[in-house]
Amino acid sequence: MLVSKAREVEMNVTIITKIEKNVMERRILIFSLLGMMRYFLKLFRKRIVWLKTPAEMLEIITSCVVIGFRISTDTVLDNF
């Protein structure tokens, strides 16, 4: 019984460790996405003449965010 309790505790610890690792990976990916968005905003502010409308800028930023969140959720689900 003591051995089974120890195994149960060990399994719980590994599950919690995996969850914490996934949360940290998601945070890192979200912060990198925010950094990427800031970079794109700086880039577009300098070269805003190239874009016809602000809607195009918003569309590009939104697509970058959507792609980034797809990547982050895929990697988090794969690692779990």
PDB file of N, CA and C in Angstrom:
ATOM      1  N   MET A   1       0.825  -1.205   0.000  1.00  0.00           N
ATOM      2  CA  MET A   1       0.000   0.000   0.000  1.00  0.00           C
ATOM      3  C   MET A   1       0.862   1.259   0.000  1.00  0.00           C
ATOM      4  N   LEU A   2       1.941   1.219   0.748  1.00  0.00           N
ATOM      5  CA  LEU A   2       2.836   2.374   0.794  1.00  0.00           C
ATOM      6  C   LEU A   2       3.494   2.615  -0.568  1.00  0.00           C
ATOM      7  N   VAL A   3       3.841   1.508  -1.238  1.00  0.00           N
ATOM      8  CA  VAL A   3       4.457   1.621  -2.565  1.00  0.00           C
ATOM      9  C   VAL A   3       3.462   2.203  -3.566  1.00  0.00           C
ATOM     10  N   SER A   4       2.198   1.762  -3.499  1.00  0.00           N
ATOM     11  CA  SER A   4       1.200   2.284  -4.427  1.00  0.00           C
ATOM     12  C   SER A   4       0.938   3.765  -4.176  1.00  0.00           C
ATOM     13  N   LYS A   5       0.951   4.184  -2.915  1.00  0.00           N
ATOM     14  CA  LYS A   5       0.784   5.611  -2.598  1.00  0.00           C
ATOM     15  C   LYS A   5       1.949   6.420  -3.148  1.00  0.00           C
ATOM     16  N   ALA A   6       3.160   5.870  -3.001  1.00  0.00           N
ATOM     17  CA  ALA A   6       4.336   6.578  -3.515  1.00  0.00           C
ATOM     18  C   ALA A   6       4.258   6.721  -5.033  1.00  0.00           C
ATOM     19  N   ARG A   7       3.807   5.674  -5.721  1.00  0.00           N
ATOM     20  CA  ARG A   7       3.664   5.751  -7.181  1.00  0.00           C
ATOM     21  C   ARG A   7       2.597   6.768  -7.568  1.00  0.00           C
ATOM     22  N   GLU A   8       1.507   6.796  -6.810  1.00  0.00           N
ATOM     23  CA  GLU A   8       0.433   7.758  -7.094  1.00  0.00           C
ATOM     24  C   GLU A   8       0.936   9.186  -6.935  1.00  0.00           C
ATOM     25  N   VAL A   9       1.683   9.438  -5.874  1.00  0.00           N
ATOM     26  CA  VAL A   9       2.242  10.772  -5.649  1.00  0.00           C
ATOM     27  C   VAL A   9       3.226  11.117  -6.765  1.00  0.00           C
ATOM     28  N   GLU A  10       4.042  10.146  -7.166  1.00  0.00           N
ATOM     29  CA  GLU A  10       5.013  10.373  -8.241  1.00  0.00           C
ATOM     30  C   GLU A  10       4.301  10.710  -9.551  1.00  0.00           C
ATOM     31  N   MET A  11       3.211  10.010  -9.845  1.00  0.00           N
ATOM     32  CA  MET A  11       2.447  10.297 -11.063  1.00  0.00           C
ATOM     33  C   MET A  11       1.847  11.692 -11.005  1.00  0.00           C
ATOM     34  N   ASN A  12       1.312  12.076  -9.828  1.00  0.00           N
ATOM     35  CA  ASN A  12       0.736  13.410  -9.693  1.00  0.00           C
ATOM     36  C   ASN A  12       1.791  14.492  -9.891  1.00  0.00           C
ATOM     37  N   VAL A  13       2.990  14.250  -9.352  1.00  0.00           N
ATOM     38  CA  VAL A  13       4.070  15.227  -9.504  1.00  0.00           C
ATOM     39  C   VAL A  13       4.473  15.361 -10.966  1.00  0.00           C
ATOM     40  N   THR A  14       4.556  14.241 -11.691  1.00  0.00           N
ATOM     41  CA  THR A  14       4.936  14.333 -13.102  1.00  0.00           C
ATOM     42  C   THR A  14       3.860  15.041 -13.919  1.00  0.00           C
ATOM     43  N   ILE A  15       2.594  14.789 -13.596  1.00  0.00           N
ATOM     44  CA  ILE A  15       1.510  15.475 -14.313  1.00  0.00           C
ATOM     45  C   ILE A  15       1.572  16.978 -14.052  1.00  0.00           C
ATOM     46  N   ILE A  16       1.774  17.370 -12.793  1.00  0.00           N
ATOM     47  CA  ILE A  16       1.862  18.794 -12.452  1.00  0.00           C
ATOM     48  C   ILE A  16       3.066  19.427 -13.149  1.00  0.00           C
ATOM     49  N   THR A  17       4.186  18.694 -13.190  1.00  0.00           N
ATOM     50  CA  THR A  17       5.383  19.208 -13.865  1.00  0.00           C
ATOM     51  C   THR A  17       5.117  19.423 -15.352  1.00  0.00           C
ATOM     52  N   LYS A  18       4.414  18.485 -15.984  1.00  0.00           N
ATOM     53  CA  LYS A  18       4.087  18.650 -17.406  1.00  0.00           C
ATOM     54  C   LYS A  18       3.194  19.867 -17.624  1.00  0.00           C
ATOM     55  N   ILE A  19       2.197  20.043 -16.745  1.00  0.00           N
ATOM     56  CA  ILE A  19       1.289  21.190 -16.879  1.00  0.00           C
ATOM     57  C   ILE A  19       2.068  22.492 -16.716  1.00  0.00           C
ATOM     58  N   GLU A  20       2.961  22.557 -15.707  1.00  0.00           N
ATOM     59  CA  GLU A  20       3.747  23.775 -15.502  1.00  0.00           C
ATOM     60  C   GLU A  20       4.635  24.055 -16.712  1.00  0.00           C
ATOM     61  N   LYS A  21       5.223  22.992 -17.278  1.00  0.00           N
ATOM     62  CA  LYS A  21       6.069  23.161 -18.466  1.00  0.00           C
ATOM     63  C   LYS A  21       5.254  23.707 -19.629  1.00  0.00           C
ATOM     64  N   ASN A  22       4.044  23.186 -19.818  1.00  0.00           N
ATOM     65  CA  ASN A  22       3.188  23.660 -20.908  1.00  0.00           C
ATOM     66  C   ASN A  22       2.782  25.105 -20.700  1.00  0.00           C
ATOM     67  N   VAL A  23       2.471  25.476 -19.444  1.00  0.00           N
ATOM     68  CA  VAL A  23       2.087  26.861 -19.159  1.00  0.00           C
ATOM     69  C   VAL A  23       3.253  27.796 -19.451  1.00  0.00           C
ATOM     70  N   MET A  24       4.462  27.389 -19.042  1.00  0.00           N
ATOM     71  CA  MET A  24       5.635  28.226 -19.307  1.00  0.00           C
ATOM     72  C   MET A  24       5.884  28.353 -20.807  1.00  0.00           C
ATOM     73  N   GLU A  25       5.747  27.240 -21.544  1.00  0.00           N
ATOM     74  CA  GLU A  25       5.943  27.311 -22.993  1.00  0.00           C
ATOM     75  C   GLU A  25       4.914  28.228 -23.635  1.00  0.00           C
ATOM     76  N   ARG A  26       3.683  28.143 -23.172  1.00  0.00           N
ATOM     77  CA  ARG A  26       2.644  29.015 -23.734  1.00  0.00           C
ATOM     78  C   ARG A  26       2.948  30.479 -23.424  1.00  0.00           C
ATOM     79  N   ARG A  27       3.391  30.761 -22.187  1.00  0.00           N
ATOM     80  CA  ARG A  27       3.733  32.143 -21.838  1.00  0.00           C
ATOM     81  C   ARG A  27       4.868  32.661 -22.704  1.00  0.00           C
ATOM     82  N   ILE A  28       5.892  31.825 -22.898  1.00  0.00           N
ATOM     83  CA  ILE A  28       7.024  32.240 -23.729  1.00  0.00           C
ATOM     84  C   ILE A  28       6.550  32.524 -25.151  1.00  0.00           C
ATOM     85  N   LEU A  29       5.688  31.658 -25.693  1.00  0.00           N
ATOM     86  CA  LEU A  29       5.198  31.869 -27.057  1.00  0.00           C
ATOM     87  C   LEU A  29       4.338  33.119 -27.156  1.00  0.00           C
ATOM     88  N   ILE A  30       3.495  33.363 -26.137  1.00  0.00           N
ATOM     89  CA  ILE A  30       2.642  34.563 -26.174  1.00  0.00           C
ATOM     90  C   ILE A  30       3.501  35.815 -26.099  1.00  0.00           C
ATOM     91  N   PHE A  31       4.528  35.795 -25.209  1.00  0.00           N
ATOM     92  CA  PHE A  31       5.389  36.971 -25.115  1.00  0.00           C
ATOM     93  C   PHE A  31       6.186  37.175 -26.400  1.00  0.00           C
ATOM     94  N   SER A  32       6.607  36.083 -27.038  1.00  0.00           N
ATOM     95  CA  SER A  32       7.322  36.243 -28.302  1.00  0.00           C
ATOM     96  C   SER A  32       6.385  36.766 -29.389  1.00  0.00           C
ATOM     97  N   LEU A  33       5.111  36.351 -29.337  1.00  0.00           N
ATOM     98  CA  LEU A  33       4.138  36.886 -30.294  1.00  0.00           C
ATOM     99  C   LEU A  33       3.928  38.379 -30.083  1.00  0.00           C
ATOM    100  N   LEU A  34       3.850  38.794 -28.806  1.00  0.00           N
ATOM    101  CA  LEU A  34       3.685  40.223 -28.531  1.00  0.00           C
ATOM    102  C   LEU A  34       4.898  41.003 -29.027  1.00  0.00           C
ATOM    103  N   GLY A  35       6.084  40.440 -28.831  1.00  0.00           N
ATOM    104  CA  GLY A  35       7.283  41.089 -29.344  1.00  0.00           C
ATOM    105  C   GLY A  35       7.268  41.191 -30.855  1.00  0.00           C
ATOM    106  N   MET A  36       6.787  40.124 -31.498  1.00  0.00           N
ATOM    107  CA  MET A  36       6.700  40.122 -32.950  1.00  0.00           C
ATOM    108  C   MET A  36       5.706  41.177 -33.423  1.00  0.00           C
ATOM    109  N   MET A  37       4.572  41.310 -32.719  1.00  0.00           N
ATOM    110  CA  MET A  37       3.588  42.331 -33.091  1.00  0.00           C
ATOM    111  C   MET A  37       4.177  43.733 -32.946  1.00  0.00           C
ATOM    112  N   ARG A  38       4.935  43.967 -31.859  1.00  0.00           N
ATOM    113  CA  ARG A  38       5.549  45.281 -31.679  1.00  0.00           C
ATOM    114  C   ARG A  38       6.531  45.574 -32.811  1.00  0.00           C
ATOM    115  N   TYR A  39       7.288  44.541 -33.211  1.00  0.00           N
ATOM    116  CA  TYR A  39       8.232  44.717 -34.316  1.00  0.00           C
ATOM    117  C   TYR A  39       7.504  45.076 -35.609  1.00  0.00           C
ATOM    118  N   PHE A  40       6.413  44.353 -35.888  1.00  0.00           N
ATOM    119  CA  PHE A  40       5.651  44.636 -37.105  1.00  0.00           C
ATOM    120  C   PHE A  40       5.038  46.032 -37.063  1.00  0.00           C
ATOM    121  N   LEU A  41       4.557  46.453 -35.883  1.00  0.00           N
ATOM    122  CA  LEU A  41       3.993  47.796 -35.784  1.00  0.00           C
ATOM    123  C   LEU A  41       5.051  48.859 -36.059  1.00  0.00           C
ATOM    124  N   LYS A  42       6.261  48.660 -35.507  1.00  0.00           N
ATOM    125  CA  LYS A  42       7.331  49.619 -35.778  1.00  0.00           C
ATOM    126  C   LYS A  42       7.670  49.635 -37.261  1.00  0.00           C
ATOM    127  N   LEU A  43       7.718  48.446 -37.844  1.00  0.00           N
ATOM    128  CA  LEU A  43       8.038  48.330 -39.263  1.00  0.00           C
ATOM    129  C   LEU A  43       6.981  49.029 -40.111  1.00  0.00           C
ATOM    130  N   PHE A  44       5.707  48.813 -39.767  1.00  0.00           N
ATOM    131  CA  PHE A  44       4.630  49.401 -40.560  1.00  0.00           C
ATOM    132  C   PHE A  44       4.511  50.900 -40.344  1.00  0.00           C
ATOM    133  N   ARG A  45       4.888  51.384 -39.157  1.00  0.00           N
ATOM    134  CA  ARG A  45       4.859  52.838 -38.940  1.00  0.00           C
ATOM    135  C   ARG A  45       5.864  53.528 -39.851  1.00  0.00           C
ATOM    136  N   LYS A  46       7.028  52.887 -40.024  1.00  0.00           N
ATOM    137  CA  LYS A  46       8.051  53.493 -40.886  1.00  0.00           C
ATOM    138  C   LYS A  46       7.656  53.432 -42.358  1.00  0.00           C
ATOM    139  N   ARG A  47       6.992  52.346 -42.729  1.00  0.00           N
ATOM    140  CA  ARG A  47       6.679  52.142 -44.153  1.00  0.00           C
ATOM    141  C   ARG A  47       5.177  52.083 -44.385  1.00  0.00           C
ATOM    142  N   ILE A  48       4.435  52.911 -43.698  1.00  0.00           N
ATOM    143  CA  ILE A  48       2.971  52.873 -43.804  1.00  0.00           C
ATOM    144  C   ILE A  48       2.503  53.359 -45.170  1.00  0.00           C
ATOM    145  N   VAL A  49       3.380  54.039 -45.909  1.00  0.00           N
ATOM    146  CA  VAL A  49       3.019  54.526 -47.235  1.00  0.00           C
ATOM    147  C   VAL A  49       2.761  53.344 -48.179  1.00  0.00           C
ATOM    148  N   TRP A  50       3.445  52.217 -47.927  1.00  0.00           N
ATOM    149  CA  TRP A  50       3.288  51.061 -48.802  1.00  0.00           C
ATOM    150  C   TRP A  50       1.901  50.442 -48.700  1.00  0.00           C
ATOM    151  N   LEU A  51       1.285  50.568 -47.534  1.00  0.00           N
ATOM    152  CA  LEU A  51      -0.032  49.960 -47.339  1.00  0.00           C
ATOM    153  C   LEU A  51      -1.121  50.931 -47.789  1.00  0.00           C
ATOM    154  N   LYS A  52      -2.131  50.394 -48.429  1.00  0.00           N
ATOM    155  CA  LYS A  52      -3.191  51.252 -48.956  1.00  0.00           C
ATOM    156  C   LYS A  52      -4.120  51.745 -47.846  1.00  0.00           C
ATOM    157  N   THR A  53      -4.516  50.839 -46.945  1.00  0.00           N
ATOM    158  CA  THR A  53      -5.452  51.219 -45.888  1.00  0.00           C
ATOM    159  C   THR A  53      -4.994  50.632 -44.554  1.00  0.00           C
ATOM    160  N   PRO A  54      -5.458  51.210 -43.446  1.00  0.00           N
ATOM    161  CA  PRO A  54      -5.166  50.607 -42.134  1.00  0.00           C
ATOM    162  C   PRO A  54      -5.772  49.215 -41.984  1.00  0.00           C
ATOM    163  N   ALA A  55      -6.810  48.927 -42.773  1.00  0.00           N
ATOM    164  CA  ALA A  55      -7.427  47.597 -42.705  1.00  0.00           C
ATOM    165  C   ALA A  55      -6.447  46.516 -43.154  1.00  0.00           C
ATOM    166  N   GLU A  56      -5.617  46.841 -44.134  1.00  0.00           N
ATOM    167  CA  GLU A  56      -4.599  45.884 -44.577  1.00  0.00           C
ATOM    168  C   GLU A  56      -3.595  45.596 -43.467  1.00  0.00           C
ATOM    169  N   MET A  57      -3.188  46.667 -42.763  1.00  0.00           N
ATOM    170  CA  MET A  57      -2.260  46.496 -41.651  1.00  0.00           C
ATOM    171  C   MET A  57      -2.892  45.620 -40.573  1.00  0.00           C
ATOM    172  N   LEU A  58      -4.147  45.876 -40.261  1.00  0.00           N
ATOM    173  CA  LEU A  58      -4.846  45.094 -39.253  1.00  0.00           C
ATOM    174  C   LEU A  58      -4.993  43.636 -39.689  1.00  0.00           C
ATOM    175  N   GLU A  59      -5.242  43.428 -40.958  1.00  0.00           N
ATOM    176  CA  GLU A  59      -5.378  42.062 -41.485  1.00  0.00           C
ATOM    177  C   GLU A  59      -4.068  41.297 -41.371  1.00  0.00           C
ATOM    178  N   ILE A  60      -2.947  41.962 -41.688  1.00  0.00           N
ATOM    179  CA  ILE A  60      -1.639  41.308 -41.598  1.00  0.00           C
ATOM    180  C   ILE A  60      -1.312  40.968 -40.152  1.00  0.00           C
ATOM    181  N   ILE A  61      -1.547  41.908 -39.233  1.00  0.00           N
ATOM    182  CA  ILE A  61      -1.248  41.659 -37.821  1.00  0.00           C
ATOM    183  C   ILE A  61      -2.133  40.539 -37.281  1.00  0.00           C
ATOM    184  N   THR A  62      -3.408  40.554 -37.644  1.00  0.00           N
ATOM    185  CA  THR A  62      -4.327  39.515 -37.178  1.00  0.00           C
ATOM    186  C   THR A  62      -3.908  38.148 -37.691  1.00  0.00           C
ATOM    187  N   SER A  63      -3.486  38.073 -38.939  1.00  0.00           N
ATOM    188  CA  SER A  63      -3.061  36.781 -39.479  1.00  0.00           C
ATOM    189  C   SER A  63      -1.807  36.287 -38.778  1.00  0.00           C
ATOM    190  N   CYS A  64      -0.882  37.196 -38.443  1.00  0.00           N
ATOM    191  CA  CYS A  64       0.315  36.800 -37.696  1.00  0.00           C
ATOM    192  C   CYS A  64      -0.062  36.244 -36.327  1.00  0.00           C
ATOM    193  N   VAL A  65      -1.001  36.905 -35.654  1.00  0.00           N
ATOM    194  CA  VAL A  65      -1.422  36.446 -34.327  1.00  0.00           C
ATOM    195  C   VAL A  65      -2.118  35.092 -34.421  1.00  0.00           C
ATOM    196  N   VAL A  66      -2.989  34.922 -35.408  1.00  0.00           N
ATOM    197  CA  VAL A  66      -3.711  33.655 -35.561  1.00  0.00           C
ATOM    198  C   VAL A  66      -2.736  32.518 -35.841  1.00  0.00           C
ATOM    199  N   ILE A  67      -1.782  32.752 -36.727  1.00  0.00           N
ATOM    200  CA  ILE A  67      -0.791  31.715 -37.028  1.00  0.00           C
ATOM    201  C   ILE A  67       0.026  31.395 -35.781  1.00  0.00           C
ATOM    202  N   GLY A  68       0.416  32.419 -35.045  1.00  0.00           N
ATOM    203  CA  GLY A  68       1.198  32.202 -33.829  1.00  0.00           C
ATOM    204  C   GLY A  68       0.435  31.412 -32.783  1.00  0.00           C
ATOM    205  N   PHE A  69      -0.853  31.729 -32.585  1.00  0.00           N
ATOM    206  CA  PHE A  69      -1.634  30.990 -31.597  1.00  0.00           C
ATOM    207  C   PHE A  69      -1.882  29.559 -32.038  1.00  0.00           C
ATOM    208  N   ARG A  70      -2.025  29.338 -33.346  1.00  0.00           N
ATOM    209  CA  ARG A  70      -2.153  27.954 -33.830  1.00  0.00           C
ATOM    210  C   ARG A  70      -0.895  27.171 -33.525  1.00  0.00           C
ATOM    211  N   ILE A  71       0.259  27.794 -33.758  1.00  0.00           N
ATOM    212  CA  ILE A  71       1.538  27.129 -33.472  1.00  0.00           C
ATOM    213  C   ILE A  71       1.660  26.855 -31.975  1.00  0.00           C
ATOM    214  N   SER A  72       1.299  27.855 -31.147  1.00  0.00           N
ATOM    215  CA  SER A  72       1.456  27.673 -29.697  1.00  0.00           C
ATOM    216  C   SER A  72       0.524  26.592 -29.173  1.00  0.00           C
ATOM    217  N   THR A  73      -0.730  26.556 -29.628  1.00  0.00           N
ATOM    218  CA  THR A  73      -1.633  25.525 -29.125  1.00  0.00           C
ATOM    219  C   THR A  73      -1.233  24.157 -29.635  1.00  0.00           C
ATOM    220  N   ASP A  74      -0.728  24.071 -30.867  1.00  0.00           N
ATOM    221  CA  ASP A  74      -0.268  22.780 -31.384  1.00  0.00           C
ATOM    222  C   ASP A  74       0.907  22.248 -30.582  1.00  0.00           C
ATOM    223  N   THR A  75       1.885  23.113 -30.274  1.00  0.00           N
ATOM    224  CA  THR A  75       3.055  22.635 -29.537  1.00  0.00           C
ATOM    225  C   THR A  75       2.679  22.279 -28.113  1.00  0.00           C
ATOM    226  N   VAL A  76       1.785  23.054 -27.499  1.00  0.00           N
ATOM    227  CA  VAL A  76       1.379  22.742 -26.124  1.00  0.00           C
ATOM    228  C   VAL A  76       0.620  21.422 -26.081  1.00  0.00           C
ATOM    229  N   LEU A  77      -0.264  21.189 -27.033  1.00  0.00           N
ATOM    230  CA  LEU A  77      -1.017  19.938 -27.048  1.00  0.00           C
ATOM    231  C   LEU A  77      -0.129  18.752 -27.393  1.00  0.00           C
ATOM    232  N   ASP A  78       0.876  18.964 -28.249  1.00  0.00           N
ATOM    233  CA  ASP A  78       1.790  17.869 -28.591  1.00  0.00           C
ATOM    234  C   ASP A  78       2.641  17.456 -27.403  1.00  0.00           C
ATOM    235  N   ASN A  79       3.033  18.429 -26.583  1.00  0.00           N
ATOM    236  CA  ASN A  79       3.924  18.122 -25.465  1.00  0.00           C
ATOM    237  C   ASN A  79       3.191  17.539 -24.267  1.00  0.00           C
ATOM    238  N   PHE A  80       1.888  17.659 -24.240  1.00  0.00           N
ATOM    239  CA  PHE A  80       1.155  17.183 -23.061  1.00  0.00           C
ATOM    240  C   PHE A  80       0.956  15.685 -23.128  1.00  0.00           C
TER     241      PHE A  80
END
